[in-house]
Amino acid sequence: MLVIGAVICAPFAWYLSGYPAIRSAAILLPFLTGSAAYAIYKDKTNLAWLLLSPFILISAGLAYIVITQ
């Protein structure tokens, strides 16, 4: 499921990074999600949550901005 999530999150991360002039590290979000999938495969759930936290925080922040407008 996390691998599918990484594929789905790629356009979102691409948009947030400001491509073509990459101005933020948001382009790394799909790689972090893929790394979390690998951590789950190796039974390291705490590391997986740590790797997923930037994506969760960015998504929650954007949801807050959209809801408060």
PDB file of N, CA and C in Angstrom:
ATOM      1  N   MET A   1       0.821  -1.191   0.000  1.00  0.00           N
ATOM      2  CA  MET A   1       0.000   0.000   0.000  1.00  0.00           C
ATOM      3  C   MET A   1       0.873   1.267   0.000  1.00  0.00           C
ATOM      4  N   LEU A   2       1.985   1.226   0.699  1.00  0.00           N
ATOM      5  CA  LEU A   2       2.851   2.406   0.728  1.00  0.00           C
ATOM      6  C   LEU A   2       3.507   2.666  -0.627  1.00  0.00           C
ATOM      7  N   VAL A   3       3.780   1.636  -1.364  1.00  0.00           N
ATOM      8  CA  VAL A   3       4.361   1.823  -2.699  1.00  0.00           C
ATOM      9  C   VAL A   3       3.338   2.501  -3.610  1.00  0.00           C
ATOM     10  N   ILE A   4       2.088   2.061  -3.526  1.00  0.00           N
ATOM     11  CA  ILE A   4       1.018   2.714  -4.292  1.00  0.00           C
ATOM     12  C   ILE A   4       0.870   4.160  -3.837  1.00  0.00           C
ATOM     13  N   GLY A   5       0.967   4.393  -2.531  1.00  0.00           N
ATOM     14  CA  GLY A   5       0.904   5.754  -2.006  1.00  0.00           C
ATOM     15  C   GLY A   5       2.037   6.631  -2.514  1.00  0.00           C
ATOM     16  N   ALA A   6       3.216   6.052  -2.669  1.00  0.00           N
ATOM     17  CA  ALA A   6       4.354   6.809  -3.202  1.00  0.00           C
ATOM     18  C   ALA A   6       4.107   7.217  -4.645  1.00  0.00           C
ATOM     19  N   VAL A   7       3.520   6.318  -5.418  1.00  0.00           N
ATOM     20  CA  VAL A   7       3.216   6.634  -6.816  1.00  0.00           C
ATOM     21  C   VAL A   7       2.145   7.716  -6.900  1.00  0.00           C
ATOM     22  N   ILE A   8       1.132   7.610  -6.054  1.00  0.00           N
ATOM     23  CA  ILE A   8       0.059   8.605  -6.063  1.00  0.00           C
ATOM     24  C   ILE A   8       0.547   9.956  -5.551  1.00  0.00           C
ATOM     25  N   CYS A   9       1.487   9.962  -4.621  1.00  0.00           N
ATOM     26  CA  CYS A   9       1.965  11.215  -4.041  1.00  0.00           C
ATOM     27  C   CYS A   9       2.982  11.926  -4.936  1.00  0.00           C
ATOM     28  N   ALA A  10       3.490  11.266  -5.971  1.00  0.00           N
ATOM     29  CA  ALA A  10       4.517  11.861  -6.833  1.00  0.00           C
ATOM     30  C   ALA A  10       4.062  13.159  -7.506  1.00  0.00           C
ATOM     31  N   PRO A  11       2.875  13.239  -8.127  1.00  0.00           N
ATOM     32  CA  PRO A  11       2.475  14.521  -8.728  1.00  0.00           C
ATOM     33  C   PRO A  11       2.293  15.629  -7.684  1.00  0.00           C
ATOM     34  N   PHE A  12       1.768  15.265  -6.525  1.00  0.00           N
ATOM     35  CA  PHE A  12       1.598  16.207  -5.420  1.00  0.00           C
ATOM     36  C   PHE A  12       2.953  16.780  -5.005  1.00  0.00           C
ATOM     37  N   ALA A  13       3.943  15.921  -4.850  1.00  0.00           N
ATOM     38  CA  ALA A  13       5.285  16.357  -4.461  1.00  0.00           C
ATOM     39  C   ALA A  13       5.949  17.165  -5.559  1.00  0.00           C
ATOM     40  N   TRP A  14       5.707  16.790  -6.798  1.00  0.00           N
ATOM     41  CA  TRP A  14       6.270  17.512  -7.940  1.00  0.00           C
ATOM     42  C   TRP A  14       5.741  18.938  -7.972  1.00  0.00           C
ATOM     43  N   TYR A  15       4.445  19.100  -7.731  1.00  0.00           N
ATOM     44  CA  TYR A  15       3.838  20.424  -7.704  1.00  0.00           C
ATOM     45  C   TYR A  15       4.388  21.248  -6.539  1.00  0.00           C
ATOM     46  N   LEU A  16       4.494  20.644  -5.376  1.00  0.00           N
ATOM     47  CA  LEU A  16       4.978  21.372  -4.196  1.00  0.00           C
ATOM     48  C   LEU A  16       6.446  21.773  -4.310  1.00  0.00           C
ATOM     49  N   SER A  17       7.216  21.034  -5.076  1.00  0.00           N
ATOM     50  CA  SER A  17       8.644  21.339  -5.173  1.00  0.00           C
ATOM     51  C   SER A  17       8.923  22.567  -6.031  1.00  0.00           C
ATOM     52  N   GLY A  18       7.943  23.006  -6.819  1.00  0.00           N
ATOM     53  CA  GLY A  18       8.153  24.162  -7.674  1.00  0.00           C
ATOM     54  C   GLY A  18       8.883  23.819  -8.949  1.00  0.00           C
ATOM     55  N   TYR A  19       8.757  22.590  -9.398  1.00  0.00           N
ATOM     56  CA  TYR A  19       9.430  22.143 -10.608  1.00  0.00           C
ATOM     57  C   TYR A  19       9.080  23.047 -11.780  1.00  0.00           C
ATOM     58  N   PRO A  20       9.942  23.433 -12.664  1.00  0.00           N
ATOM     59  CA  PRO A  20      11.240  22.907 -13.020  1.00  0.00           C
ATOM     60  C   PRO A  20      12.393  23.459 -12.192  1.00  0.00           C
ATOM     61  N   ALA A  21      12.238  24.582 -11.565  1.00  0.00           N
ATOM     62  CA  ALA A  21      13.299  25.093 -10.696  1.00  0.00           C
ATOM     63  C   ALA A  21      13.011  24.587  -9.286  1.00  0.00           C
ATOM     64  N   ILE A  22      13.561  23.439  -8.949  1.00  0.00           N
ATOM     65  CA  ILE A  22      13.251  22.799  -7.665  1.00  0.00           C
ATOM     66  C   ILE A  22      13.725  23.699  -6.534  1.00  0.00           C
ATOM     67  N   ARG A  23      12.753  24.215  -5.794  1.00  0.00           N
ATOM     68  CA  ARG A  23      13.041  25.166  -4.726  1.00  0.00           C
ATOM     69  C   ARG A  23      12.826  24.596  -3.339  1.00  0.00           C
ATOM     70  N   SER A  24      12.291  23.392  -3.241  1.00  0.00           N
ATOM     71  CA  SER A  24      12.086  22.806  -1.918  1.00  0.00           C
ATOM     72  C   SER A  24      12.376  21.313  -1.970  1.00  0.00           C
ATOM     73  N   ALA A  25      12.455  20.736  -0.802  1.00  0.00           N
ATOM     74  CA  ALA A  25      12.756  19.307  -0.700  1.00  0.00           C
ATOM     75  C   ALA A  25      11.507  18.446  -0.824  1.00  0.00           C
ATOM     76  N   ALA A  26      10.388  19.029  -1.215  1.00  0.00           N
ATOM     77  CA  ALA A  26       9.140  18.267  -1.333  1.00  0.00           C
ATOM     78  C   ALA A  26       9.227  17.195  -2.401  1.00  0.00           C
ATOM     79  N   ILE A  27      10.160  17.315  -3.328  1.00  0.00           N
ATOM     80  CA  ILE A  27      10.316  16.305  -4.365  1.00  0.00           C
ATOM     81  C   ILE A  27      10.751  14.968  -3.754  1.00  0.00           C
ATOM     82  N   LEU A  28      11.260  14.986  -2.531  1.00  0.00           N
ATOM     83  CA  LEU A  28      11.713  13.763  -1.868  1.00  0.00           C
ATOM     84  C   LEU A  28      10.582  12.981  -1.209  1.00  0.00           C
ATOM     85  N   LEU A  29       9.379  13.525  -1.154  1.00  0.00           N
ATOM     86  CA  LEU A  29       8.275  12.853  -0.468  1.00  0.00           C
ATOM     87  C   LEU A  29       7.980  11.456  -1.002  1.00  0.00           C
ATOM     88  N   PRO A  30       7.928  11.228  -2.305  1.00  0.00           N
ATOM     89  CA  PRO A  30       7.693   9.853  -2.763  1.00  0.00           C
ATOM     90  C   PRO A  30       8.819   8.886  -2.372  1.00  0.00           C
ATOM     91  N   PHE A  31      10.044   9.376  -2.343  1.00  0.00           N
ATOM     92  CA  PHE A  31      11.164   8.521  -1.949  1.00  0.00           C
ATOM     93  C   PHE A  31      11.091   8.164  -0.464  1.00  0.00           C
ATOM     94  N   LEU A  32      10.648   9.123   0.355  1.00  0.00           N
ATOM     95  CA  LEU A  32      10.471   8.834   1.777  1.00  0.00           C
ATOM     96  C   LEU A  32       9.363   7.821   1.997  1.00  0.00           C
ATOM     97  N   THR A  33       8.297   7.921   1.216  1.00  0.00           N
ATOM     98  CA  THR A  33       7.199   6.963   1.328  1.00  0.00           C
ATOM     99  C   THR A  33       7.658   5.570   0.878  1.00  0.00           C
ATOM    100  N   GLY A  34       8.416   5.504  -0.179  1.00  0.00           N
ATOM    101  CA  GLY A  34       8.979   4.227  -0.618  1.00  0.00           C
ATOM    102  C   GLY A  34       9.940   3.640   0.408  1.00  0.00           C
ATOM    103  N   SER A  35      10.705   4.504   1.050  1.00  0.00           N
ATOM    104  CA  SER A  35      11.611   4.049   2.104  1.00  0.00           C
ATOM    105  C   SER A  35      10.837   3.528   3.309  1.00  0.00           C
ATOM    106  N   ALA A  36       9.709   4.138   3.584  1.00  0.00           N
ATOM    107  CA  ALA A  36       8.852   3.653   4.676  1.00  0.00           C
ATOM    108  C   ALA A  36       8.310   2.262   4.347  1.00  0.00           C
ATOM    109  N   ALA A  37       7.993   2.020   3.078  1.00  0.00           N
ATOM    110  CA  ALA A  37       7.548   0.685   2.671  1.00  0.00           C
ATOM    111  C   ALA A  37       8.654  -0.339   2.907  1.00  0.00           C
ATOM    112  N   TYR A  38       9.871   0.028   2.594  1.00  0.00           N
ATOM    113  CA  TYR A  38      11.000  -0.874   2.834  1.00  0.00           C
ATOM    114  C   TYR A  38      11.212  -1.102   4.331  1.00  0.00           C
ATOM    115  N   ALA A  39      11.031  -0.059   5.134  1.00  0.00           N
ATOM    116  CA  ALA A  39      11.178  -0.200   6.589  1.00  0.00           C
ATOM    117  C   ALA A  39      10.111  -1.139   7.155  1.00  0.00           C
ATOM    118  N   ILE A  40       8.894  -1.059   6.625  1.00  0.00           N
ATOM    119  CA  ILE A  40       7.847  -1.985   7.052  1.00  0.00           C
ATOM    120  C   ILE A  40       8.228  -3.411   6.665  1.00  0.00           C
ATOM    121  N   TYR A  41       8.796  -3.576   5.481  1.00  0.00           N
ATOM    122  CA  TYR A  41       9.237  -4.897   5.020  1.00  0.00           C
ATOM    123  C   TYR A  41      10.283  -5.486   5.974  1.00  0.00           C
ATOM    124  N   LYS A  42      11.130  -4.629   6.512  1.00  0.00           N
ATOM    125  CA  LYS A  42      12.174  -5.062   7.447  1.00  0.00           C
ATOM    126  C   LYS A  42      11.716  -5.037   8.905  1.00  0.00           C
ATOM    127  N   ASP A  43      10.412  -4.863   9.151  1.00  0.00           N
ATOM    128  CA  ASP A  43       9.818  -4.845  10.502  1.00  0.00           C
ATOM    129  C   ASP A  43      10.369  -3.727  11.386  1.00  0.00           C
ATOM    130  N   LYS A  44      10.558  -2.562  10.824  1.00  0.00           N
ATOM    131  CA  LYS A  44      11.010  -1.381  11.567  1.00  0.00           C
ATOM    132  C   LYS A  44       9.917  -0.321  11.477  1.00  0.00           C
ATOM    133  N   THR A  45       8.844  -0.534  12.239  1.00  0.00           N
ATOM    134  CA  THR A  45       7.676   0.341  12.124  1.00  0.00           C
ATOM    135  C   THR A  45       7.944   1.749  12.643  1.00  0.00           C
ATOM    136  N   ASN A  46       8.779   1.871  13.663  1.00  0.00           N
ATOM    137  CA  ASN A  46       9.083   3.218  14.174  1.00  0.00           C
ATOM    138  C   ASN A  46       9.809   4.055  13.124  1.00  0.00           C
ATOM    139  N   LEU A  47      10.722   3.448  12.416  1.00  0.00           N
ATOM    140  CA  LEU A  47      11.426   4.144  11.341  1.00  0.00           C
ATOM    141  C   LEU A  47      10.460   4.508  10.220  1.00  0.00           C
ATOM    142  N   ALA A  48       9.514   3.617   9.935  1.00  0.00           N
ATOM    143  CA  ALA A  48       8.523   3.903   8.889  1.00  0.00           C
ATOM    144  C   ALA A  48       7.682   5.116   9.265  1.00  0.00           C
ATOM    145  N   TRP A  49       7.247   5.204  10.501  1.00  0.00           N
ATOM    146  CA  TRP A  49       6.480   6.382  10.927  1.00  0.00           C
ATOM    147  C   TRP A  49       7.323   7.648  10.839  1.00  0.00           C
ATOM    148  N   LEU A  50       8.586   7.541  11.184  1.00  0.00           N
ATOM    149  CA  LEU A  50       9.475   8.700  11.096  1.00  0.00           C
ATOM    150  C   LEU A  50       9.642   9.149   9.645  1.00  0.00           C
ATOM    151  N   LEU A  51       9.750   8.211   8.731  1.00  0.00           N
ATOM    152  CA  LEU A  51       9.885   8.548   7.318  1.00  0.00           C
ATOM    153  C   LEU A  51       8.596   9.119   6.732  1.00  0.00           C
ATOM    154  N   LEU A  52       7.457   8.727   7.265  1.00  0.00           N
ATOM    155  CA  LEU A  52       6.171   9.228   6.768  1.00  0.00           C
ATOM    156  C   LEU A  52       5.772  10.574   7.374  1.00  0.00           C
ATOM    157  N   SER A  53       6.390  10.964   8.474  1.00  0.00           N
ATOM    158  CA  SER A  53       5.978  12.184   9.165  1.00  0.00           C
ATOM    159  C   SER A  53       6.082  13.460   8.317  1.00  0.00           C
ATOM    160  N   PRO A  54       7.101  13.661   7.458  1.00  0.00           N
ATOM    161  CA  PRO A  54       7.089  14.881   6.637  1.00  0.00           C
ATOM    162  C   PRO A  54       5.883  14.954   5.704  1.00  0.00           C
ATOM    163  N   PHE A  55       5.510  13.837   5.098  1.00  0.00           N
ATOM    164  CA  PHE A  55       4.348  13.816   4.204  1.00  0.00           C
ATOM    165  C   PHE A  55       3.070  14.114   4.980  1.00  0.00           C
ATOM    166  N   ILE A  56       2.934  13.538   6.162  1.00  0.00           N
ATOM    167  CA  ILE A  56       1.748  13.771   6.987  1.00  0.00           C
ATOM    168  C   ILE A  56       1.673  15.230   7.407  1.00  0.00           C
ATOM    169  N   LEU A  57       2.784  15.808   7.828  1.00  0.00           N
ATOM    170  CA  LEU A  57       2.796  17.209   8.268  1.00  0.00           C
ATOM    171  C   LEU A  57       2.491  18.171   7.128  1.00  0.00           C
ATOM    172  N   ILE A  58       3.065  17.937   5.963  1.00  0.00           N
ATOM    173  CA  ILE A  58       2.807  18.808   4.812  1.00  0.00           C
ATOM    174  C   ILE A  58       1.346  18.705   4.381  1.00  0.00           C
ATOM    175  N   SER A  59       0.818  17.497   4.349  1.00  0.00           N
ATOM    176  CA  SER A  59      -0.579  17.309   3.959  1.00  0.00           C
ATOM    177  C   SER A  59      -1.515  17.954   4.961  1.00  0.00           C
ATOM    178  N   ALA A  60      -1.242  17.810   6.242  1.00  0.00           N
ATOM    179  CA  ALA A  60      -2.080  18.423   7.273  1.00  0.00           C
ATOM    180  C   ALA A  60      -1.993  19.954   7.201  1.00  0.00           C
ATOM    181  N   GLY A  61      -0.808  20.484   6.941  1.00  0.00           N
ATOM    182  CA  GLY A  61      -0.651  21.925   6.815  1.00  0.00           C
ATOM    183  C   GLY A  61      -1.424  22.492   5.636  1.00  0.00           C
ATOM    184  N   LEU A  62      -1.359  21.810   4.504  1.00  0.00           N
ATOM    185  CA  LEU A  62      -2.116  22.260   3.333  1.00  0.00           C
ATOM    186  C   LEU A  62      -3.611  22.131   3.549  1.00  0.00           C
ATOM    187  N   ALA A  63      -4.042  21.073   4.225  1.00  0.00           N
ATOM    188  CA  ALA A  63      -5.468  20.915   4.528  1.00  0.00           C
ATOM    189  C   ALA A  63      -5.943  22.055   5.424  1.00  0.00           C
ATOM    190  N   TYR A  64      -5.124  22.450   6.391  1.00  0.00           N
ATOM    191  CA  TYR A  64      -5.477  23.552   7.280  1.00  0.00           C
ATOM    192  C   TYR A  64      -5.610  24.862   6.490  1.00  0.00           C
ATOM    193  N   ILE A  65      -4.660  25.105   5.590  1.00  0.00           N
ATOM    194  CA  ILE A  65      -4.687  26.327   4.780  1.00  0.00           C
ATOM    195  C   ILE A  65      -5.940  26.367   3.920  1.00  0.00           C
ATOM    196  N   VAL A  66      -6.286  25.246   3.303  1.00  0.00           N
ATOM    197  CA  VAL A  66      -7.463  25.209   2.431  1.00  0.00           C
ATOM    198  C   VAL A  66      -8.739  25.377   3.245  1.00  0.00           C
ATOM    199  N   ILE A  67      -8.832  24.745   4.382  1.00  0.00           N
ATOM    200  CA  ILE A  67     -10.055  24.832   5.190  1.00  0.00           C
ATOM    201  C   ILE A  67     -10.258  26.218   5.755  1.00  0.00           C
ATOM    202  N   THR A  68      -9.195  26.919   6.112  1.00  0.00           N
ATOM    203  CA  THR A  68      -9.342  28.242   6.720  1.00  0.00           C
ATOM    204  C   THR A  68      -9.512  29.362   5.716  1.00  0.00           C
ATOM    205  N   GLN A  69      -9.486  29.083   4.437  1.00  0.00           N
ATOM    206  CA  GLN A  69      -9.660  30.151   3.445  1.00  0.00           C
ATOM    207  C   GLN A  69     -11.116  30.496   3.258  1.00  0.00           C
TER     208      GLN A  69
END
